[in-house]
Amino acid sequence: MKHLQAKVELEQYLRRSGVPFSILRPCAFFENLDDAANWNPLKKGVVRFLTVHDCTYCATYDIGRAAAIQFRDRSAWLGRSLDVIGWQGDLNQVAASLSRVSGVPVRARLAMPIFLRRLFLNDLHHLFLYYKVQKGPRGTPEEFKKVVPHALSAEDWFRFHNRYADGTPIAA
């Protein structure tokens, strides 16, 4: 995980350097639940992801909102970091959220078998292993919502996104 190791080293360097900084640490993006470029288009009745295990998620929209908060009050955020975590759950909970929003039953499926993830998406494979042992952002949705009160949950994100890959609306 060279890019994650680089982030850890950069954060340590910034803390030692005296350079003014604030840091946002996002987790898994909800947008990856509908990512045709990575062979994962969102389809009616099924949701796929690269892990079925408990995972922390955020909307890229919330990353922007958190950045705006940090920029508006630079002195309060100087030298601090914020884990951007809007929601936490496993893939079955993601599927239940989509089912509640869409009104149709939704199956949870791996986007690809783990051995193929390791073989073809080795960097992402190790990213999930990294997060699984909690070396990644350690915050909670509750902590993040103290800063961004209306951070998107899985249901909120499906309502916000409101389309399947083919353009059909999600919400009935």
Protein backbone atom coordinates (compact mmCIF):
# COMPACT_ATOMS: atom_id res chain seq x y z
CA MET A 1 0.00 0.00 0.00
CA LYS A 2 2.51 2.56 -1.14
CA HIS A 3 -0.04 5.35 -1.44
CA LEU A 4 -1.32 4.77 2.11
CA GLN A 5 2.18 4.51 3.51
CA ALA A 6 3.00 7.79 1.78
CA LYS A 7 -0.01 9.46 3.44
CA VAL A 8 1.07 8.30 6.89
CA GLU A 9 4.62 9.49 6.27
CA LEU A 10 3.40 12.81 4.88
CA GLU A 11 1.19 13.40 7.92
CA GLN A 12 4.13 12.64 10.24
CA TYR A 13 6.36 14.96 8.21
CA LEU A 14 3.80 17.78 8.38
CA ARG A 15 3.50 17.44 12.14
CA ARG A 16 7.30 17.65 12.54
CA SER A 17 7.82 20.41 9.98
CA GLY A 18 5.86 23.23 11.51
CA VAL A 19 4.08 23.82 8.19
CA PRO A 20 0.43 24.82 8.84
CA PHE A 21 -1.94 22.01 7.90
CA SER A 22 -5.25 20.32 8.50
CA ILE A 23 -6.07 16.83 7.25
CA LEU A 24 -9.17 15.03 6.00
CA ARG A 25 -9.05 11.23 6.10
CA PRO A 26 -11.82 9.75 3.97
CA CYS A 27 -12.79 6.07 4.06
CA ALA A 28 -14.54 3.93 1.41
CA PHE A 29 -16.55 6.07 -0.99
CA PHE A 30 -20.27 5.37 -1.44
CA GLU A 31 -19.66 6.28 -5.08
CA ASN A 32 -17.83 2.96 -5.49
CA LEU A 33 -21.22 1.25 -5.16
CA ASP A 34 -22.00 2.62 -8.65
CA ASP A 35 -18.72 2.69 -10.51
CA ALA A 36 -19.00 1.32 -14.03
CA ALA A 37 -15.37 2.27 -14.72
CA ASN A 38 -14.39 -0.31 -12.10
CA TRP A 39 -16.83 -2.95 -13.34
CA ASN A 40 -19.41 -2.19 -10.66
CA PRO A 41 -22.47 -0.49 -12.16
CA LEU A 42 -25.39 -0.17 -9.75
CA LYS A 43 -28.32 -2.29 -10.94
CA LYS A 44 -31.84 -2.69 -9.62
CA GLY A 45 -32.15 -5.49 -7.07
CA VAL A 46 -28.44 -5.99 -6.37
CA VAL A 47 -25.60 -4.04 -4.78
CA ARG A 48 -21.98 -5.09 -5.18
CA PHE A 49 -18.81 -4.07 -3.42
CA LEU A 50 -15.28 -5.40 -2.97
CA THR A 51 -15.94 -6.57 0.59
CA VAL A 52 -18.93 -7.97 2.46
CA HIS A 53 -17.41 -7.10 5.84
CA ASP A 54 -18.14 -4.16 8.09
CA CYS A 55 -16.75 -1.03 6.47
CA THR A 56 -16.81 2.72 7.00
CA TYR A 57 -18.23 4.79 4.14
CA CYS A 58 -18.41 8.42 3.13
CA ALA A 59 -19.88 10.40 0.28
CA THR A 60 -17.44 12.49 -1.72
CA TYR A 61 -19.99 15.27 -1.24
CA ASP A 62 -19.31 15.10 2.51
CA ILE A 63 -15.56 15.32 1.93
CA GLY A 64 -16.21 18.65 0.23
CA ARG A 65 -18.49 19.83 3.02
CA ALA A 66 -15.86 18.90 5.63
CA ALA A 67 -13.15 20.72 3.66
CA ALA A 68 -15.35 23.82 3.48
CA ILE A 69 -15.78 23.73 7.27
CA GLN A 70 -12.03 23.45 7.75
CA PHE A 71 -11.34 26.31 5.32
CA ARG A 72 -13.95 28.58 6.94
CA ASP A 73 -12.40 28.17 10.38
CA ARG A 74 -8.73 27.60 9.62
CA SER A 75 -7.47 28.51 13.08
CA ALA A 76 -9.75 25.95 14.77
CA TRP A 77 -8.53 23.20 12.42
CA LEU A 78 -4.87 24.11 12.32
CA GLY A 79 -2.82 21.00 13.12
CA ARG A 80 -5.91 18.79 13.38
CA SER A 81 -7.28 15.93 11.33
CA LEU A 82 -10.80 14.74 10.69
CA ASP A 83 -11.86 11.21 9.73
CA VAL A 84 -14.61 11.54 7.13
CA ILE A 85 -17.00 8.71 8.05
CA GLY A 86 -20.67 9.20 7.31
CA TRP A 87 -21.87 5.65 7.91
CA GLN A 88 -20.67 2.21 8.96
CA GLY A 89 -22.04 -1.21 8.08
CA ASP A 90 -21.54 -4.40 6.15
CA LEU A 91 -22.71 -5.12 2.60
CA ASN A 92 -25.95 -6.71 3.80
CA GLN A 93 -26.74 -3.46 5.62
CA VAL A 94 -25.92 -1.50 2.46
CA ALA A 95 -28.35 -3.75 0.56
CA ALA A 96 -31.05 -3.23 3.19
CA SER A 97 -30.57 0.53 2.90
CA LEU A 98 -30.96 0.41 -0.88
CA SER A 99 -34.02 -1.81 -0.48
CA ARG A 100 -35.67 0.71 1.85
CA VAL A 101 -35.01 3.55 -0.58
CA SER A 102 -35.94 1.68 -3.76
CA GLY A 103 -38.85 -0.34 -2.40
CA VAL A 104 -37.54 -3.54 -4.00
CA PRO A 105 -35.61 -6.46 -2.48
CA VAL A 106 -31.85 -6.07 -2.91
CA ARG A 107 -29.20 -8.80 -2.80
CA ALA A 108 -25.69 -8.09 -1.53
CA ARG A 109 -22.92 -9.55 -3.67
CA LEU A 110 -19.16 -9.32 -3.88
CA ALA A 111 -18.13 -7.36 -6.96
CA MET A 112 -15.56 -10.11 -7.57
CA PRO A 113 -14.22 -13.08 -5.63
CA ILE A 114 -11.52 -12.18 -3.11
CA PHE A 115 -8.84 -14.18 -4.96
CA LEU A 116 -9.57 -12.15 -8.13
CA ARG A 117 -9.55 -8.91 -6.14
CA ARG A 118 -6.11 -9.88 -4.81
CA LEU A 119 -4.92 -10.85 -8.30
CA PHE A 120 -6.32 -7.98 -10.39
CA LEU A 121 -6.85 -5.19 -7.86
CA ASN A 122 -3.95 -5.87 -5.55
CA ASP A 123 -3.73 -2.29 -4.29
CA LEU A 124 -7.44 -2.22 -3.42
CA HIS A 125 -7.17 -5.70 -1.93
CA HIS A 126 -4.51 -4.49 0.48
CA LEU A 127 -6.49 -1.33 1.16
CA PHE A 128 -9.37 -3.45 2.46
CA LEU A 129 -6.97 -5.53 4.53
CA TYR A 130 -5.48 -2.31 5.92
CA TYR A 131 -8.88 -0.99 6.94
CA LYS A 132 -10.00 -4.35 8.26
CA VAL A 133 -7.36 -4.25 10.98
CA GLN A 134 -8.31 -0.62 11.77
CA LYS A 135 -5.13 1.08 10.70
CA GLY A 136 -7.15 3.49 8.59
CA PRO A 137 -9.43 6.25 9.79
CA ARG A 138 -10.50 5.32 13.30
CA GLY A 139 -13.26 7.84 13.77
CA THR A 140 -16.95 7.07 13.91
CA PRO A 141 -19.98 8.40 12.08
CA GLU A 142 -21.13 9.96 15.37
CA GLU A 143 -17.86 11.86 15.76
CA PHE A 144 -17.95 13.06 12.15
CA LYS A 145 -21.57 14.20 12.46
CA LYS A 146 -20.54 16.54 15.27
CA VAL A 147 -18.70 18.45 12.52
CA VAL A 148 -20.92 17.68 9.51
CA PRO A 149 -24.33 17.08 11.13
CA HIS A 150 -26.10 15.98 7.95
CA ALA A 151 -23.43 13.61 6.67
CA LEU A 152 -24.95 11.06 4.34
CA SER A 153 -25.83 7.58 5.58
CA ALA A 154 -26.23 4.74 3.09
CA GLU A 155 -29.96 5.50 2.70
CA ASP A 156 -29.24 9.21 2.34
CA TRP A 157 -26.60 8.52 -0.31
CA PHE A 158 -28.93 6.30 -2.36
CA ARG A 159 -31.57 9.06 -2.22
CA PHE A 160 -28.95 11.69 -3.12
CA HIS A 161 -27.49 9.59 -5.97
CA ASN A 162 -31.02 8.52 -7.04
CA ARG A 163 -30.15 6.61 -10.18
CA TYR A 164 -29.03 3.22 -11.27
CA ALA A 165 -26.21 2.94 -13.80
CA ASP A 166 -28.74 2.83 -16.64
CA GLY A 167 -30.26 6.17 -15.52
CA THR A 168 -33.42 4.71 -13.98
CA PRO A 169 -34.37 6.50 -10.74
CA ILE A 170 -33.77 4.55 -7.52
CA ALA A 171 -36.48 6.09 -5.36
CA ALA A 172 -39.95 4.88 -6.23
